[in-house]
C-alpha cells in the first residue's frame, strides 16, 4: 500500500444507504446522540425520551454535543 493510500479495514457499511464510511463516524454519531439525550435530561429533569422533542430543540442540543466531542 502506498503511504497516502487509505486502508479500507476501518470502514463499515451503512445499514440504511449501503455507503462505506469510516467506522469512527458511527462512534461519533452514537456518542453525540447519547450525549444529546443526557444533556436534555440534565437541563430538563422532567423530560423523558418518550416525550419527544421538536426539531429546533434537538438541533440545538445536538450541535452542543458535536462541538463538545
PDB file of N, CA and C in Angstrom:
ATOM      1  N   UNK A   1       0.846  -1.186   0.000  1.00  0.00           N
ATOM      2  CA  UNK A   1       0.000   0.000   0.000  1.00  0.00           C
ATOM      3  C   UNK A   1       0.885   1.240   0.000  1.00  0.00           C
ATOM      4  N   UNK A   2       0.493   2.249  -0.777  1.00  0.00           N
ATOM      5  CA  UNK A   2       1.245   3.497  -0.844  1.00  0.00           C
ATOM      6  C   UNK A   2       1.019   4.306   0.426  1.00  0.00           C
ATOM      7  N   UNK A   3       1.965   5.186   0.791  1.00  0.00           N
ATOM      8  CA  UNK A   3       1.844   5.949   2.045  1.00  0.00           C
ATOM      9  C   UNK A   3       0.545   6.737   2.187  1.00  0.00           C
ATOM     10  N   UNK A   4       0.038   7.324   1.106  1.00  0.00           N
ATOM     11  CA  UNK A   4      -1.171   8.154   1.198  1.00  0.00           C
ATOM     12  C   UNK A   4      -2.453   7.363   0.943  1.00  0.00           C
ATOM     13  N   UNK A   5      -2.327   6.090   0.642  1.00  0.00           N
ATOM     14  CA  UNK A   5      -3.477   5.262   0.341  1.00  0.00           C
ATOM     15  C   UNK A   5      -4.161   4.821   1.631  1.00  0.00           C
ATOM     16  N   UNK A   6      -5.468   4.970   1.693  1.00  0.00           N
ATOM     17  CA  UNK A   6      -6.220   4.601   2.892  1.00  0.00           C
ATOM     18  C   UNK A   6      -6.532   3.115   2.880  1.00  0.00           C
ATOM     19  N   UNK A   7      -6.449   2.503   4.026  1.00  0.00           N
ATOM     20  CA  UNK A   7      -6.808   1.110   4.198  1.00  0.00           C
ATOM     21  C   UNK A   7      -8.318   1.040   4.411  1.00  0.00           C
ATOM     22  N   UNK A   8      -8.990   0.143   3.719  1.00  0.00           N
ATOM     23  CA  UNK A   8     -10.449   0.033   3.822  1.00  0.00           C
ATOM     24  C   UNK A   8     -10.879  -0.740   5.070  1.00  0.00           C
ATOM     25  N   UNK A   9      -9.925  -1.232   5.863  1.00  0.00           N
ATOM     26  CA  UNK A   9     -10.254  -2.026   7.047  1.00  0.00           C
ATOM     27  C   UNK A   9     -11.035  -1.247   8.096  1.00  0.00           C
ATOM     28  N   UNK A  10     -10.891   0.081   8.115  1.00  0.00           N
ATOM     29  CA  UNK A  10     -11.573   0.873   9.141  1.00  0.00           C
ATOM     30  C   UNK A  10     -12.927   1.379   8.647  1.00  0.00           C
ATOM     31  N   UNK A  11     -13.455   0.769   7.623  1.00  0.00           N
ATOM     32  CA  UNK A  11     -14.737   1.203   7.074  1.00  0.00           C
ATOM     33  C   UNK A  11     -15.819   0.154   7.334  1.00  0.00           C
ATOM     34  N   UNK A  12     -17.034   0.649   7.474  1.00  0.00           N
ATOM     35  CA  UNK A  12     -18.198  -0.217   7.654  1.00  0.00           C
ATOM     36  C   UNK A  12     -19.267   0.212   6.654  1.00  0.00           C
ATOM     37  N   UNK A  13     -20.229  -0.625   6.458  1.00  0.00           N
ATOM     38  CA  UNK A  13     -21.315  -0.317   5.530  1.00  0.00           C
ATOM     39  C   UNK A  13     -22.500   0.234   6.310  1.00  0.00           C
ATOM     40  N   UNK A  14     -23.011   1.371   5.869  1.00  0.00           N
ATOM     41  CA  UNK A  14     -24.195   1.957   6.497  1.00  0.00           C
ATOM     42  C   UNK A  14     -25.380   1.025   6.246  1.00  0.00           C
ATOM     43  N   UNK A  15     -26.101   0.638   7.295  1.00  0.00           N
ATOM     44  CA  UNK A  15     -27.229  -0.274   7.106  1.00  0.00           C
ATOM     45  C   UNK A  15     -28.429   0.381   6.411  1.00  0.00           C
ATOM     46  N   UNK A  16     -28.422   1.699   6.306  1.00  0.00           N
ATOM     47  CA  UNK A  16     -29.536   2.413   5.675  1.00  0.00           C
ATOM     48  C   UNK A  16     -29.314   2.589   4.180  1.00  0.00           C
ATOM     49  N   UNK A  17     -28.158   3.192   3.816  1.00  0.00           N
ATOM     50  CA  UNK A  17     -27.918   3.537   2.408  1.00  0.00           C
ATOM     51  C   UNK A  17     -26.890   2.649   1.718  1.00  0.00           C
ATOM     52  N   UNK A  18     -26.139   1.863   2.491  1.00  0.00           N
ATOM     53  CA  UNK A  18     -25.152   0.976   1.895  1.00  0.00           C
ATOM     54  C   UNK A  18     -23.811   1.608   1.586  1.00  0.00           C
ATOM     55  N   UNK A  19     -23.646   2.897   1.879  1.00  0.00           N
ATOM     56  CA  UNK A  19     -22.363   3.555   1.640  1.00  0.00           C
ATOM     57  C   UNK A  19     -21.304   3.049   2.614  1.00  0.00           C
ATOM     58  N   UNK A  20     -20.078   3.016   2.162  1.00  0.00           N
ATOM     59  CA  UNK A  20     -18.952   2.655   3.011  1.00  0.00           C
ATOM     60  C   UNK A  20     -18.477   3.921   3.713  1.00  0.00           C
ATOM     61  N   UNK A  21     -18.408   3.879   5.031  1.00  0.00           N
ATOM     62  CA  UNK A  21     -17.995   5.050   5.816  1.00  0.00           C
ATOM     63  C   UNK A  21     -16.971   4.614   6.849  1.00  0.00           C
ATOM     64  N   UNK A  22     -16.217   5.570   7.343  1.00  0.00           N
ATOM     65  CA  UNK A  22     -15.261   5.279   8.411  1.00  0.00           C
ATOM     66  C   UNK A  22     -16.021   4.824   9.652  1.00  0.00           C
ATOM     67  N   UNK A  23     -15.519   3.781  10.274  1.00  0.00           N
ATOM     68  CA  UNK A  23     -16.194   3.262  11.465  1.00  0.00           C
ATOM     69  C   UNK A  23     -16.205   4.289  12.588  1.00  0.00           C
ATOM     70  N   UNK A  24     -15.218   5.170  12.614  1.00  0.00           N
ATOM     71  CA  UNK A  24     -15.179   6.206  13.651  1.00  0.00           C
ATOM     72  C   UNK A  24     -16.383   7.138  13.560  1.00  0.00           C
ATOM     73  N   UNK A  25     -16.942   7.297  12.364  1.00  0.00           N
ATOM     74  CA  UNK A  25     -18.123   8.143  12.223  1.00  0.00           C
ATOM     75  C   UNK A  25     -19.282   7.585  13.027  1.00  0.00           C
ATOM     76  N   UNK A  26     -19.459   6.267  12.992  1.00  0.00           N
ATOM     77  CA  UNK A  26     -20.548   5.656  13.759  1.00  0.00           C
ATOM     78  C   UNK A  26     -20.361   5.893  15.244  1.00  0.00           C
ATOM     79  N   UNK A  27     -19.135   5.795  15.705  1.00  0.00           N
ATOM     80  CA  UNK A  27     -18.850   6.025  17.119  1.00  0.00           C
ATOM     81  C   UNK A  27     -19.191   7.455  17.504  1.00  0.00           C
ATOM     82  N   UNK A  28     -18.784   8.413  16.693  1.00  0.00           N
ATOM     83  CA  UNK A  28     -19.084   9.824  16.971  1.00  0.00           C
ATOM     84  C   UNK A  28     -20.586  10.053  16.958  1.00  0.00           C
ATOM     85  N   UNK A  29     -21.263   9.462  16.003  1.00  0.00           N
ATOM     86  CA  UNK A  29     -22.705   9.634  15.878  1.00  0.00           C
ATOM     87  C   UNK A  29     -23.426   9.114  17.125  1.00  0.00           C
ATOM     88  N   UNK A  30     -23.099   7.907  17.526  1.00  0.00           N
ATOM     89  CA  UNK A  30     -23.745   7.297  18.692  1.00  0.00           C
ATOM     90  C   UNK A  30     -23.412   8.084  19.950  1.00  0.00           C
ATOM     91  N   UNK A  31     -22.165   8.472  20.104  1.00  0.00           N
ATOM     92  CA  UNK A  31     -21.749   9.258  21.266  1.00  0.00           C
ATOM     93  C   UNK A  31     -22.510  10.580  21.323  1.00  0.00           C
ATOM     94  N   UNK A  32     -22.644  11.235  20.185  1.00  0.00           N
ATOM     95  CA  UNK A  32     -23.361  12.515  20.134  1.00  0.00           C
ATOM     96  C   UNK A  32     -24.833  12.337  20.495  1.00  0.00           C
ATOM     97  N   UNK A  33     -25.441  11.267  20.007  1.00  0.00           N
ATOM     98  CA  UNK A  33     -26.850  11.026  20.321  1.00  0.00           C
ATOM     99  C   UNK A  33     -27.031  10.774  21.812  1.00  0.00           C
ATOM    100  N   UNK A  34     -26.182   9.947  22.382  1.00  0.00           N
ATOM    101  CA  UNK A  34     -26.268   9.655  23.817  1.00  0.00           C
ATOM    102  C   UNK A  34     -26.038  10.911  24.636  1.00  0.00           C
ATOM    103  N   UNK A  35     -25.032  11.700  24.254  1.00  0.00           N
ATOM    104  CA  UNK A  35     -24.720  12.936  24.956  1.00  0.00           C
ATOM    105  C   UNK A  35     -25.907  13.886  24.876  1.00  0.00           C
ATOM    106  N   UNK A  36     -26.520  13.972  23.692  1.00  0.00           N
ATOM    107  CA  UNK A  36     -27.654  14.877  23.492  1.00  0.00           C
ATOM    108  C   UNK A  36     -28.806  14.511  24.414  1.00  0.00           C
ATOM    109  N   UNK A  37     -29.141  13.237  24.474  1.00  0.00           N
ATOM    110  CA  UNK A  37     -30.233  12.794  25.352  1.00  0.00           C
ATOM    111  C   UNK A  37     -29.920  13.083  26.814  1.00  0.00           C
ATOM    112  N   UNK A  38     -28.708  12.796  27.228  1.00  0.00           N
ATOM    113  CA  UNK A  38     -28.319  13.053  28.626  1.00  0.00           C
ATOM    114  C   UNK A  38     -28.355  14.540  28.941  1.00  0.00           C
ATOM    115  N   UNK A  39     -27.911  15.360  28.008  1.00  0.00           N
ATOM    116  CA  UNK A  39     -27.882  16.807  28.249  1.00  0.00           C
ATOM    117  C   UNK A  39     -29.292  17.380  28.357  1.00  0.00           C
ATOM    118  N   UNK A  40     -30.196  16.910  27.497  1.00  0.00           N
ATOM    119  CA  UNK A  40     -31.588  17.373  27.598  1.00  0.00           C
ATOM    120  C   UNK A  40     -32.151  16.980  28.960  1.00  0.00           C
ATOM    121  N   UNK A  41     -31.909  15.738  29.378  1.00  0.00           N
ATOM    122  CA  UNK A  41     -32.411  15.276  30.675  1.00  0.00           C
ATOM    123  C   UNK A  41     -31.768  16.034  31.829  1.00  0.00           C
ATOM    124  N   UNK A  42     -30.519  16.411  31.664  1.00  0.00           N
ATOM    125  CA  UNK A  42     -29.837  17.196  32.708  1.00  0.00           C
ATOM    126  C   UNK A  42     -30.466  18.579  32.842  1.00  0.00           C
ATOM    127  N   UNK A  43     -30.723  19.217  31.712  1.00  0.00           N
ATOM    128  CA  UNK A  43     -31.303  20.562  31.725  1.00  0.00           C
ATOM    129  C   UNK A  43     -32.798  20.561  32.023  1.00  0.00           C
ATOM    130  N   UNK A  44     -33.458  19.458  31.727  1.00  0.00           N
ATOM    131  CA  UNK A  44     -34.913  19.345  31.919  1.00  0.00           C
ATOM    132  C   UNK A  44     -35.218  17.985  32.551  1.00  0.00           C
ATOM    133  N   UNK A  45     -35.004  17.850  33.864  1.00  0.00           N
ATOM    134  CA  UNK A  45     -35.159  16.556  34.549  1.00  0.00           C
ATOM    135  C   UNK A  45     -36.545  15.921  34.389  1.00  0.00           C
ATOM    136  N   UNK A  46     -37.535  16.726  34.149  1.00  0.00           N
ATOM    137  CA  UNK A  46     -38.893  16.195  33.997  1.00  0.00           C
ATOM    138  C   UNK A  46     -39.114  15.559  32.626  1.00  0.00           C
ATOM    139  N   UNK A  47     -38.202  15.836  31.681  1.00  0.00           N
ATOM    140  CA  UNK A  47     -38.330  15.334  30.311  1.00  0.00           C
ATOM    141  C   UNK A  47     -37.970  13.861  30.238  1.00  0.00           C
ATOM    142  N   UNK A  48     -38.759  13.121  29.465  1.00  0.00           N
ATOM    143  CA  UNK A  48     -38.465  11.720  29.193  1.00  0.00           C
ATOM    144  C   UNK A  48     -38.296  11.546  27.692  1.00  0.00           C
ATOM    145  N   UNK A  49     -37.457  10.642  27.291  1.00  0.00           N
ATOM    146  CA  UNK A  49     -37.208  10.417  25.865  1.00  0.00           C
ATOM    147  C   UNK A  49     -38.510  10.145  25.111  1.00  0.00           C
ATOM    148  N   UNK A  50     -39.422   9.446  25.751  1.00  0.00           N
ATOM    149  CA  UNK A  50     -40.710   9.122  25.134  1.00  0.00           C
ATOM    150  C   UNK A  50     -41.532  10.372  24.822  1.00  0.00           C
ATOM    151  N   UNK A  51     -41.234  11.485  25.518  1.00  0.00           N
ATOM    152  CA  UNK A  51     -41.968  12.733  25.297  1.00  0.00           C
ATOM    153  C   UNK A  51     -41.653  13.343  23.934  1.00  0.00           C
ATOM    154  N   UNK A  52     -40.488  13.002  23.389  1.00  0.00           N
ATOM    155  CA  UNK A  52     -40.074  13.596  22.121  1.00  0.00           C
ATOM    156  C   UNK A  52     -39.549  15.005  22.322  1.00  0.00           C
ATOM    157  N   UNK A  53     -39.129  15.599  21.242  1.00  0.00           N
ATOM    158  CA  UNK A  53     -38.580  16.951  21.273  1.00  0.00           C
ATOM    159  C   UNK A  53     -38.704  17.540  19.868  1.00  0.00           C
ATOM    160  N   UNK A  54     -38.941  18.825  19.786  1.00  0.00           N
ATOM    161  CA  UNK A  54     -39.081  19.451  18.472  1.00  0.00           C
ATOM    162  C   UNK A  54     -37.707  19.522  17.774  1.00  0.00           C
ATOM    163  N   UNK A  55     -37.742  19.684  16.478  1.00  0.00           N
ATOM    164  CA  UNK A  55     -36.515  19.731  15.684  1.00  0.00           C
ATOM    165  C   UNK A  55     -35.604  20.865  16.121  1.00  0.00           C
ATOM    166  N   UNK A  56     -36.179  22.008  16.436  1.00  0.00           N
ATOM    167  CA  UNK A  56     -35.376  23.159  16.843  1.00  0.00           C
ATOM    168  C   UNK A  56     -34.566  22.846  18.108  1.00  0.00           C
ATOM    169  N   UNK A  57     -35.224  22.262  19.113  1.00  0.00           N
ATOM    170  CA  UNK A  57     -34.524  21.927  20.357  1.00  0.00           C
ATOM    171  C   UNK A  57     -33.512  20.803  20.136  1.00  0.00           C
ATOM    172  N   UNK A  58     -33.901  19.776  19.374  1.00  0.00           N
ATOM    173  CA  UNK A  58     -32.970  18.679  19.100  1.00  0.00           C
ATOM    174  C   UNK A  58     -31.719  19.215  18.410  1.00  0.00           C
ATOM    175  N   UNK A  59     -31.886  20.058  17.400  1.00  0.00           N
ATOM    176  CA  UNK A  59     -30.740  20.623  16.680  1.00  0.00           C
ATOM    177  C   UNK A  59     -29.844  21.428  17.617  1.00  0.00           C
ATOM    178  N   UNK A  60     -30.453  22.182  18.523  1.00  0.00           N
ATOM    179  CA  UNK A  60     -29.693  22.978  19.478  1.00  0.00           C
ATOM    180  C   UNK A  60     -28.807  22.078  20.340  1.00  0.00           C
ATOM    181  N   UNK A  61     -29.407  21.071  20.950  1.00  0.00           N
ATOM    182  CA  UNK A  61     -28.648  20.180  21.823  1.00  0.00           C
ATOM    183  C   UNK A  61     -27.665  19.309  21.037  1.00  0.00           C
ATOM    184  N   UNK A  62     -28.058  18.886  19.860  1.00  0.00           N
ATOM    185  CA  UNK A  62     -27.169  18.067  19.020  1.00  0.00           C
ATOM    186  C   UNK A  62     -25.932  18.873  18.623  1.00  0.00           C
ATOM    187  N   UNK A  63     -26.126  20.141  18.307  1.00  0.00           N
ATOM    188  CA  UNK A  63     -24.984  20.999  17.966  1.00  0.00           C
ATOM    189  C   UNK A  63     -24.040  21.170  19.151  1.00  0.00           C
ATOM    190  N   UNK A  64     -24.588  21.275  20.348  1.00  0.00           N
ATOM    191  CA  UNK A  64     -23.744  21.345  21.548  1.00  0.00           C
ATOM    192  C   UNK A  64     -22.917  20.068  21.681  1.00  0.00           C
ATOM    193  N   UNK A  65     -23.535  18.938  21.405  1.00  0.00           N
ATOM    194  CA  UNK A  65     -22.836  17.658  21.510  1.00  0.00           C
ATOM    195  C   UNK A  65     -21.693  17.581  20.506  1.00  0.00           C
ATOM    196  N   UNK A  66     -21.969  17.937  19.285  1.00  0.00           N
ATOM    197  CA  UNK A  66     -20.941  17.842  18.237  1.00  0.00           C
ATOM    198  C   UNK A  66     -19.768  18.752  18.561  1.00  0.00           C
ATOM    199  N   UNK A  67     -20.044  19.931  19.067  1.00  0.00           N
ATOM    200  CA  UNK A  67     -18.973  20.853  19.446  1.00  0.00           C
ATOM    201  C   UNK A  67     -18.163  20.318  20.607  1.00  0.00           C
ATOM    202  N   UNK A  68     -18.828  19.588  21.519  1.00  0.00           N
ATOM    203  CA  UNK A  68     -18.175  19.090  22.711  1.00  0.00           C
ATOM    204  C   UNK A  68     -17.405  17.794  22.517  1.00  0.00           C
ATOM    205  N   UNK A  69     -17.644  17.122  21.422  1.00  0.00           N
ATOM    206  CA  UNK A  69     -16.996  15.818  21.203  1.00  0.00           C
ATOM    207  C   UNK A  69     -15.677  15.974  20.493  1.00  0.00           C
TER     208      UNK A  69
END
